[in-house]
Amino acid sequence: MAFAVRDLSVLAYANGFTLWHYKAGDDALASVGASGFFDGAADMLASGDIMMVSAAEGARVLAMAQVDGKIVAAPMG
């Protein structure tokens, strides 16, 4: 499945930092963390933002970064 902006929500925002949640549904955590998955929200996400992802197989916390105009998500911890 592809990224769906309706499944993305802001949990907290302060001083230019945003804590996000993405409900992945049936998408595997590996595909959600793949480069380019969040490109559809590139205009909203910023380097240093944190994304909490929940999926059928579990959950993951990702650190967001913009590289060459694309959103890159890296697992934390």
N, C-alpha and C. Protein backbone atom coordinates (compact mmCIF):
# COMPACT_ATOMS: atom_id res chain seq x y z
N MET A 1 0.83 -1.18 0.00
CA MET A 1 0.00 0.00 0.00
C MET A 1 0.88 1.25 0.00
N ALA A 2 0.39 2.31 -0.50
CA ALA A 2 1.15 3.56 -0.58
C ALA A 2 0.82 4.48 0.59
N PHE A 3 1.64 5.50 0.76
CA PHE A 3 1.41 6.50 1.78
C PHE A 3 0.04 7.14 1.60
N ALA A 4 -0.68 7.34 2.71
CA ALA A 4 -1.98 8.01 2.69
C ALA A 4 -1.95 9.13 3.72
N VAL A 5 -2.07 10.37 3.27
CA VAL A 5 -1.97 11.51 4.17
C VAL A 5 -3.05 11.48 5.25
N ARG A 6 -4.18 10.86 4.98
CA ARG A 6 -5.25 10.78 5.99
C ARG A 6 -4.85 9.94 7.20
N ASP A 7 -3.81 9.11 7.07
CA ASP A 7 -3.34 8.28 8.18
C ASP A 7 -2.19 8.93 8.95
N LEU A 8 -1.87 10.18 8.61
CA LEU A 8 -0.79 10.91 9.27
C LEU A 8 -1.40 11.97 10.18
N SER A 9 -0.93 12.04 11.42
CA SER A 9 -1.46 13.04 12.34
C SER A 9 -0.35 13.61 13.22
N VAL A 10 -0.55 14.85 13.62
CA VAL A 10 0.38 15.54 14.51
C VAL A 10 -0.02 15.23 15.95
N LEU A 11 0.96 14.78 16.74
CA LEU A 11 0.71 14.54 18.16
C LEU A 11 1.13 15.73 19.01
N ALA A 12 2.23 16.38 18.61
CA ALA A 12 2.72 17.55 19.34
C ALA A 12 3.60 18.40 18.43
N TYR A 13 3.60 19.71 18.69
CA TYR A 13 4.43 20.63 17.92
C TYR A 13 4.95 21.71 18.87
N ALA A 14 6.24 22.00 18.79
CA ALA A 14 6.83 23.08 19.58
C ALA A 14 8.19 23.45 19.01
N ASN A 15 8.45 24.73 18.90
CA ASN A 15 9.76 25.24 18.49
C ASN A 15 10.29 24.63 17.20
N GLY A 16 9.44 24.43 16.22
CA GLY A 16 9.87 23.89 14.94
C GLY A 16 10.02 22.38 14.90
N PHE A 17 9.69 21.69 15.99
CA PHE A 17 9.76 20.23 16.06
C PHE A 17 8.35 19.67 16.05
N THR A 18 8.13 18.59 15.32
CA THR A 18 6.82 17.95 15.29
C THR A 18 6.96 16.46 15.61
N LEU A 19 6.10 15.98 16.48
CA LEU A 19 5.98 14.57 16.78
C LEU A 19 4.75 14.07 16.03
N TRP A 20 4.96 13.11 15.14
CA TRP A 20 3.92 12.60 14.27
C TRP A 20 3.53 11.17 14.63
N HIS A 21 2.34 10.77 14.17
CA HIS A 21 1.92 9.37 14.22
C HIS A 21 1.42 9.00 12.83
N TYR A 22 1.83 7.81 12.35
CA TYR A 22 1.32 7.29 11.08
C TYR A 22 0.75 5.91 11.32
N LYS A 23 -0.52 5.73 10.96
CA LYS A 23 -1.18 4.43 11.07
C LYS A 23 -0.98 3.69 9.76
N ALA A 24 -0.11 2.69 9.78
CA ALA A 24 0.30 1.99 8.56
C ALA A 24 -0.71 0.95 8.09
N GLY A 25 -1.63 0.56 8.92
CA GLY A 25 -2.62 -0.45 8.50
C GLY A 25 -1.93 -1.77 8.19
N ASP A 26 -2.10 -2.25 6.96
CA ASP A 26 -1.52 -3.53 6.55
C ASP A 26 -0.11 -3.40 5.99
N ASP A 27 0.40 -2.16 5.84
CA ASP A 27 1.76 -1.97 5.33
C ASP A 27 2.78 -2.52 6.33
N ALA A 28 3.79 -3.19 5.82
CA ALA A 28 4.86 -3.71 6.68
C ALA A 28 5.71 -2.55 7.18
N LEU A 29 6.23 -2.68 8.39
CA LEU A 29 7.08 -1.64 8.94
C LEU A 29 8.28 -1.37 8.05
N ALA A 30 8.82 -2.39 7.42
CA ALA A 30 9.97 -2.21 6.53
C ALA A 30 9.62 -1.31 5.34
N SER A 31 8.43 -1.45 4.79
CA SER A 31 8.06 -0.62 3.64
C SER A 31 7.78 0.82 4.06
N VAL A 32 7.23 1.02 5.27
CA VAL A 32 6.98 2.37 5.76
C VAL A 32 8.30 3.10 6.01
N GLY A 33 9.31 2.39 6.44
CA GLY A 33 10.61 3.00 6.70
C GLY A 33 11.48 3.16 5.46
N ALA A 34 11.00 2.67 4.32
CA ALA A 34 11.80 2.74 3.09
C ALA A 34 11.93 4.17 2.58
N SER A 35 13.04 4.45 1.95
CA SER A 35 13.29 5.77 1.39
C SER A 35 12.18 6.13 0.41
N GLY A 36 11.65 7.33 0.56
CA GLY A 36 10.63 7.82 -0.35
C GLY A 36 9.19 7.55 0.07
N PHE A 37 8.97 6.72 1.08
CA PHE A 37 7.59 6.39 1.48
C PHE A 37 6.81 7.64 1.86
N PHE A 38 7.44 8.57 2.57
CA PHE A 38 6.76 9.77 3.06
C PHE A 38 6.90 10.97 2.13
N ASP A 39 7.33 10.76 0.89
CA ASP A 39 7.50 11.88 -0.05
C ASP A 39 6.21 12.67 -0.25
N GLY A 40 5.08 12.03 -0.13
CA GLY A 40 3.80 12.72 -0.28
C GLY A 40 3.54 13.76 0.79
N ALA A 41 4.31 13.72 1.87
CA ALA A 41 4.18 14.69 2.95
C ALA A 41 5.44 15.52 3.11
N ALA A 42 6.28 15.55 2.07
CA ALA A 42 7.56 16.26 2.15
C ALA A 42 7.40 17.73 2.51
N ASP A 43 6.29 18.33 2.12
CA ASP A 43 6.07 19.74 2.43
C ASP A 43 5.69 19.97 3.89
N MET A 44 5.34 18.91 4.63
CA MET A 44 4.96 19.04 6.04
C MET A 44 6.04 18.56 6.99
N LEU A 45 6.85 17.59 6.56
CA LEU A 45 7.86 16.99 7.43
C LEU A 45 9.17 17.76 7.35
N ALA A 46 9.88 17.77 8.47
CA ALA A 46 11.16 18.47 8.52
C ALA A 46 12.22 17.57 9.14
N SER A 47 13.46 17.84 8.79
CA SER A 47 14.56 17.12 9.41
C SER A 47 14.49 17.29 10.92
N GLY A 48 14.65 16.21 11.63
CA GLY A 48 14.59 16.25 13.08
C GLY A 48 13.23 15.88 13.65
N ASP A 49 12.21 15.84 12.81
CA ASP A 49 10.89 15.39 13.28
C ASP A 49 10.97 13.92 13.65
N ILE A 50 10.08 13.50 14.54
CA ILE A 50 10.01 12.11 14.98
C ILE A 50 8.65 11.55 14.54
N MET A 51 8.68 10.33 13.99
CA MET A 51 7.46 9.67 13.51
C MET A 51 7.26 8.37 14.28
N MET A 52 6.12 8.27 14.95
CA MET A 52 5.73 7.00 15.57
C MET A 52 4.83 6.29 14.57
N VAL A 53 5.18 5.06 14.23
CA VAL A 53 4.43 4.28 13.24
C VAL A 53 3.82 3.07 13.93
N SER A 54 2.53 2.88 13.71
CA SER A 54 1.89 1.66 14.21
C SER A 54 1.39 0.87 13.00
N ALA A 55 1.64 -0.43 13.03
CA ALA A 55 1.26 -1.32 11.94
C ALA A 55 0.72 -2.62 12.53
N ALA A 56 0.19 -3.47 11.68
CA ALA A 56 -0.36 -4.73 12.15
C ALA A 56 0.69 -5.60 12.83
N GLU A 57 1.95 -5.48 12.40
CA GLU A 57 3.01 -6.33 12.95
C GLU A 57 3.73 -5.71 14.16
N GLY A 58 3.37 -4.49 14.53
CA GLY A 58 4.00 -3.84 15.67
C GLY A 58 4.14 -2.35 15.47
N ALA A 59 5.14 -1.77 16.11
CA ALA A 59 5.35 -0.32 16.04
C ALA A 59 6.83 -0.01 15.91
N ARG A 60 7.12 1.22 15.47
CA ARG A 60 8.50 1.66 15.30
C ARG A 60 8.54 3.18 15.44
N VAL A 61 9.66 3.69 15.91
CA VAL A 61 9.89 5.13 15.98
C VAL A 61 10.96 5.48 14.96
N LEU A 62 10.67 6.48 14.12
CA LEU A 62 11.58 6.88 13.05
C LEU A 62 12.00 8.32 13.22
N ALA A 63 13.24 8.61 12.86
CA ALA A 63 13.75 9.98 12.79
C ALA A 63 13.66 10.42 11.34
N MET A 64 13.07 11.56 11.09
CA MET A 64 12.86 12.04 9.73
C MET A 64 13.99 12.99 9.32
N ALA A 65 14.37 12.92 8.04
CA ALA A 65 15.37 13.82 7.49
C ALA A 65 15.03 14.09 6.03
N GLN A 66 15.37 15.27 5.54
CA GLN A 66 15.20 15.58 4.13
C GLN A 66 16.56 15.53 3.46
N VAL A 67 16.66 14.73 2.41
CA VAL A 67 17.89 14.58 1.65
C VAL A 67 17.54 14.78 0.18
N ASP A 68 18.10 15.82 -0.41
CA ASP A 68 17.83 16.12 -1.83
C ASP A 68 16.34 16.20 -2.13
N GLY A 69 15.58 16.82 -1.24
CA GLY A 69 14.14 17.00 -1.45
C GLY A 69 13.29 15.79 -1.17
N LYS A 70 13.90 14.70 -0.77
CA LYS A 70 13.16 13.48 -0.43
C LYS A 70 13.19 13.27 1.08
N ILE A 71 12.15 12.66 1.58
CA ILE A 71 12.08 12.34 3.00
C ILE A 71 12.71 10.98 3.24
N VAL A 72 13.63 10.95 4.18
CA VAL A 72 14.30 9.71 4.57
C VAL A 72 13.94 9.44 6.02
N ALA A 73 13.52 8.22 6.31
CA ALA A 73 13.15 7.83 7.66
C ALA A 73 14.13 6.77 8.15
N ALA A 74 14.74 7.05 9.30
CA ALA A 74 15.72 6.12 9.87
C ALA A 74 15.22 5.63 11.22
N PRO A 75 15.25 4.31 11.46
CA PRO A 75 14.82 3.79 12.75
C PRO A 75 15.67 4.36 13.88
N MET A 76 15.04 4.59 15.01
CA MET A 76 15.75 5.08 16.20
C MET A 76 15.99 3.92 17.13
N GLY A 77 17.14 3.94 17.76
CA GLY A 77 17.45 2.95 18.78
C GLY A 77 17.83 1.67 18.27
